């Protein structure tokens, strides 16, 4: 009888609980960007080869993803990743808070993670059901 109660409680917990639920309290993020040394940022930007996929975060809070075309001590020029061709965007170094290489995401890896999660959850529920009805 105890096994059945534990199995039912665990089944209910798996079906109702969610780590990333849509509701609940949200934490406020501080919009203030940390101070950035322009000289260091310009030096780093100039060391990145042209044609590299980059992600540029700006002090205004926006993020721009694209291909680095040119980098100088004053500005970074990026061709945005869009379906419709756009003119390259020149971003002053003074407004750049972070410049990182954009690795992108692997669709195959994301699909594999989803499939593995689904299979794991299915086996977990089946094991709990087997524990419930084994007596």
C-alpha atoms as a PDB file:
ATOM      1  CA  UNK A   1       0.000   0.000   0.000  1.00  0.00           C
ATOM      2  CA  UNK A   2       2.864   2.405   0.840  1.00  0.00           C
ATOM      3  CA  UNK A   3       4.487   1.759  -2.549  1.00  0.00           C
ATOM      4  CA  UNK A   4       1.287   2.631  -4.336  1.00  0.00           C
ATOM      5  CA  UNK A   5       0.851   5.897  -2.427  1.00  0.00           C
ATOM      6  CA  UNK A   6       4.471   6.899  -3.100  1.00  0.00           C
ATOM      7  CA  UNK A   7       4.103   6.023  -6.793  1.00  0.00           C
ATOM      8  CA  UNK A   8       0.897   8.063  -7.113  1.00  0.00           C
ATOM      9  CA  UNK A   9       2.467  11.072  -5.355  1.00  0.00           C
ATOM     10  CA  UNK A  10       5.549  10.912  -7.583  1.00  0.00           C
ATOM     11  CA  UNK A  11       3.395  10.574 -10.710  1.00  0.00           C
ATOM     12  CA  UNK A  12       1.369  13.621  -9.701  1.00  0.00           C
ATOM     13  CA  UNK A  13       4.537  15.591  -8.978  1.00  0.00           C
ATOM     14  CA  UNK A  14       5.987  14.742 -12.394  1.00  0.00           C
ATOM     15  CA  UNK A  15       2.822  15.700 -14.236  1.00  0.00           C
ATOM     16  CA  UNK A  16       2.023  18.955 -12.442  1.00  0.00           C
ATOM     17  CA  UNK A  17       5.360  20.464 -11.456  1.00  0.00           C
ATOM     18  CA  UNK A  18       7.487  22.452 -13.845  1.00  0.00           C
ATOM     19  CA  UNK A  19      10.881  24.016 -13.342  1.00  0.00           C
ATOM     20  CA  UNK A  20      10.300  26.764 -15.875  1.00  0.00           C
ATOM     21  CA  UNK A  21       6.659  27.581 -15.411  1.00  0.00           C
ATOM     22  CA  UNK A  22       5.194  30.623 -17.121  1.00  0.00           C
ATOM     23  CA  UNK A  23       3.699  32.007 -13.933  1.00  0.00           C
ATOM     24  CA  UNK A  24       5.436  33.022 -10.781  1.00  0.00           C
ATOM     25  CA  UNK A  25       7.627  35.834  -9.619  1.00  0.00           C
ATOM     26  CA  UNK A  26      10.108  37.367 -11.995  1.00  0.00           C
ATOM     27  CA  UNK A  27      13.308  39.029 -10.894  1.00  0.00           C
ATOM     28  CA  UNK A  28      14.084  42.495 -12.126  1.00  0.00           C
ATOM     29  CA  UNK A  29      17.238  42.908 -14.156  1.00  0.00           C
ATOM     30  CA  UNK A  30      19.484  45.882 -13.648  1.00  0.00           C
ATOM     31  CA  UNK A  31      19.488  47.874 -16.919  1.00  0.00           C
ATOM     32  CA  UNK A  32      22.720  49.661 -16.012  1.00  0.00           C
ATOM     33  CA  UNK A  33      25.625  48.267 -18.015  1.00  0.00           C
ATOM     34  CA  UNK A  34      29.016  47.859 -16.376  1.00  0.00           C
ATOM     35  CA  UNK A  35      31.695  50.313 -17.480  1.00  0.00           C
ATOM     36  CA  UNK A  36      33.739  49.099 -20.420  1.00  0.00           C
ATOM     37  CA  UNK A  37      37.273  50.178 -21.266  1.00  0.00           C
ATOM     38  CA  UNK A  38      36.966  51.467 -24.846  1.00  0.00           C
ATOM     39  CA  UNK A  39      40.637  50.860 -25.614  1.00  0.00           C
ATOM     40  CA  UNK A  40      40.453  47.213 -24.614  1.00  0.00           C
ATOM     41  CA  UNK A  41      37.187  46.736 -26.514  1.00  0.00           C
ATOM     42  CA  UNK A  42      38.631  48.347 -29.661  1.00  0.00           C
ATOM     43  CA  UNK A  43      41.781  46.212 -29.431  1.00  0.00           C
ATOM     44  CA  UNK A  44      39.708  43.031 -29.036  1.00  0.00           C
ATOM     45  CA  UNK A  45      37.415  43.973 -31.937  1.00  0.00           C
ATOM     46  CA  UNK A  46      40.378  44.641 -34.222  1.00  0.00           C
ATOM     47  CA  UNK A  47      41.853  41.205 -33.469  1.00  0.00           C
ATOM     48  CA  UNK A  48      38.712  39.400 -34.671  1.00  0.00           C
ATOM     49  CA  UNK A  49      39.106  38.472 -38.363  1.00  0.00           C
ATOM     50  CA  UNK A  50      36.643  39.930 -40.860  1.00  0.00           C
ATOM     51  CA  UNK A  51      33.921  37.460 -41.837  1.00  0.00           C
ATOM     52  CA  UNK A  52      33.509  36.074 -38.304  1.00  0.00           C
ATOM     53  CA  UNK A  53      29.984  35.651 -36.926  1.00  0.00           C
ATOM     54  CA  UNK A  54      29.660  37.973 -33.912  1.00  0.00           C
ATOM     55  CA  UNK A  55      27.121  39.074 -31.334  1.00  0.00           C
ATOM     56  CA  UNK A  56      27.253  42.737 -30.282  1.00  0.00           C
ATOM     57  CA  UNK A  57      25.525  43.877 -27.096  1.00  0.00           C
ATOM     58  CA  UNK A  58      24.978  47.627 -26.818  1.00  0.00           C
ATOM     59  CA  UNK A  59      24.558  50.014 -23.886  1.00  0.00           C
ATOM     60  CA  UNK A  60      21.015  50.786 -25.036  1.00  0.00           C
ATOM     61  CA  UNK A  61      20.150  47.158 -24.322  1.00  0.00           C
ATOM     62  CA  UNK A  62      19.883  45.835 -27.851  1.00  0.00           C
ATOM     63  CA  UNK A  63      21.719  42.843 -29.248  1.00  0.00           C
ATOM     64  CA  UNK A  64      22.846  42.574 -32.849  1.00  0.00           C
ATOM     65  CA  UNK A  65      23.975  39.347 -34.503  1.00  0.00           C
ATOM     66  CA  UNK A  66      25.796  39.346 -37.780  1.00  0.00           C
ATOM     67  CA  UNK A  67      29.043  39.059 -39.686  1.00  0.00           C
ATOM     68  CA  UNK A  68      31.931  41.339 -38.761  1.00  0.00           C
ATOM     69  CA  UNK A  69      32.932  43.386 -41.785  1.00  0.00           C
ATOM     70  CA  UNK A  70      35.395  45.852 -40.291  1.00  0.00           C
ATOM     71  CA  UNK A  71      36.637  46.931 -36.876  1.00  0.00           C
ATOM     72  CA  UNK A  72      38.527  50.100 -36.035  1.00  0.00           C
ATOM     73  CA  UNK A  73      39.378  52.032 -32.876  1.00  0.00           C
ATOM     74  CA  UNK A  74      36.197  54.091 -33.257  1.00  0.00           C
ATOM     75  CA  UNK A  75      33.541  51.704 -34.598  1.00  0.00           C
ATOM     76  CA  UNK A  76      32.589  48.147 -35.502  1.00  0.00           C
ATOM     77  CA  UNK A  77      30.813  47.463 -38.802  1.00  0.00           C
ATOM     78  CA  UNK A  78      28.498  44.437 -38.841  1.00  0.00           C
ATOM     79  CA  UNK A  79      26.329  42.941 -41.581  1.00  0.00           C
ATOM     80  CA  UNK A  80      23.147  41.796 -39.818  1.00  0.00           C
ATOM     81  CA  UNK A  81      21.860  38.234 -40.211  1.00  0.00           C
ATOM     82  CA  UNK A  82      18.492  38.805 -41.908  1.00  0.00           C
ATOM     83  CA  UNK A  83      16.482  37.157 -44.660  1.00  0.00           C
ATOM     84  CA  UNK A  84      16.161  40.449 -46.523  1.00  0.00           C
ATOM     85  CA  UNK A  85      19.516  42.078 -47.337  1.00  0.00           C
ATOM     86  CA  UNK A  86      20.239  45.205 -45.300  1.00  0.00           C
ATOM     87  CA  UNK A  87      22.986  47.778 -45.315  1.00  0.00           C
ATOM     88  CA  UNK A  88      25.861  47.116 -42.876  1.00  0.00           C
ATOM     89  CA  UNK A  89      25.457  48.726 -39.443  1.00  0.00           C
ATOM     90  CA  UNK A  90      28.265  50.806 -37.964  1.00  0.00           C
ATOM     91  CA  UNK A  91      28.276  50.698 -34.163  1.00  0.00           C
ATOM     92  CA  UNK A  92      30.492  53.112 -32.208  1.00  0.00           C
ATOM     93  CA  UNK A  93      32.856  51.344 -29.782  1.00  0.00           C
ATOM     94  CA  UNK A  94      31.605  53.651 -27.017  1.00  0.00           C
ATOM     95  CA  UNK A  95      28.162  52.003 -27.198  1.00  0.00           C
ATOM     96  CA  UNK A  96      29.416  48.390 -27.218  1.00  0.00           C
ATOM     97  CA  UNK A  97      29.196  46.604 -23.852  1.00  0.00           C
ATOM     98  CA  UNK A  98      30.101  43.107 -25.073  1.00  0.00           C
ATOM     99  CA  UNK A  99      31.417  41.637 -28.300  1.00  0.00           C
ATOM    100  CA  UNK A 100      31.425  37.855 -28.526  1.00  0.00           C
ATOM    101  CA  UNK A 101      31.870  35.229 -31.196  1.00  0.00           C
ATOM    102  CA  UNK A 102      28.465  33.831 -32.149  1.00  0.00           C
ATOM    103  CA  UNK A 103      28.554  30.051 -32.097  1.00  0.00           C
ATOM    104  CA  UNK A 104      24.911  29.728 -33.111  1.00  0.00           C
ATOM    105  CA  UNK A 105      22.813  26.742 -32.143  1.00  0.00           C
ATOM    106  CA  UNK A 106      22.809  23.266 -33.578  1.00  0.00           C
ATOM    107  CA  UNK A 107      19.349  22.134 -34.636  1.00  0.00           C
ATOM    108  CA  UNK A 108      20.371  18.488 -34.415  1.00  0.00           C
ATOM    109  CA  UNK A 109      21.658  18.914 -30.870  1.00  0.00           C
ATOM    110  CA  UNK A 110      18.440  20.640 -29.790  1.00  0.00           C
ATOM    111  CA  UNK A 111      16.308  17.883 -31.341  1.00  0.00           C
ATOM    112  CA  UNK A 112      18.413  15.194 -29.639  1.00  0.00           C
ATOM    113  CA  UNK A 113      17.978  16.895 -26.250  1.00  0.00           C
ATOM    114  CA  UNK A 114      14.208  17.069 -26.762  1.00  0.00           C
ATOM    115  CA  UNK A 115      13.967  13.427 -27.802  1.00  0.00           C
ATOM    116  CA  UNK A 116      16.111  12.285 -24.871  1.00  0.00           C
ATOM    117  CA  UNK A 117      13.959  14.284 -22.440  1.00  0.00           C
ATOM    118  CA  UNK A 118      10.769  12.790 -23.851  1.00  0.00           C
ATOM    119  CA  UNK A 119      12.117   9.242 -23.721  1.00  0.00           C
ATOM    120  CA  UNK A 120      13.342   9.722 -20.141  1.00  0.00           C
ATOM    121  CA  UNK A 121      10.004  11.121 -19.004  1.00  0.00           C
ATOM    122  CA  UNK A 122       8.113   8.293 -20.727  1.00  0.00           C
ATOM    123  CA  UNK A 123      10.224   5.597 -19.072  1.00  0.00           C
ATOM    124  CA  UNK A 124       9.853   7.331 -15.701  1.00  0.00           C
ATOM    125  CA  UNK A 125       6.080   7.355 -15.953  1.00  0.00           C
ATOM    126  CA  UNK A 126       6.010   3.737 -17.152  1.00  0.00           C
ATOM    127  CA  UNK A 127       8.181   2.651 -14.215  1.00  0.00           C
ATOM    128  CA  UNK A 128       5.891   4.449 -11.777  1.00  0.00           C
ATOM    129  CA  UNK A 129       2.837   2.821 -13.340  1.00  0.00           C
ATOM    130  CA  UNK A 130       4.531  -0.563 -13.135  1.00  0.00           C
ATOM    131  CA  UNK A 131       5.211   0.066  -9.420  1.00  0.00           C
ATOM    132  CA  UNK A 132       1.575   0.997  -8.855  1.00  0.00           C
ATOM    133  CA  UNK A 133       0.101  -2.053 -10.550  1.00  0.00           C
ATOM    134  CA  UNK A 134       2.743  -4.658  -9.607  1.00  0.00           C
ATOM    135  CA  UNK A 135       0.904  -5.773  -6.466  1.00  0.00           C
END
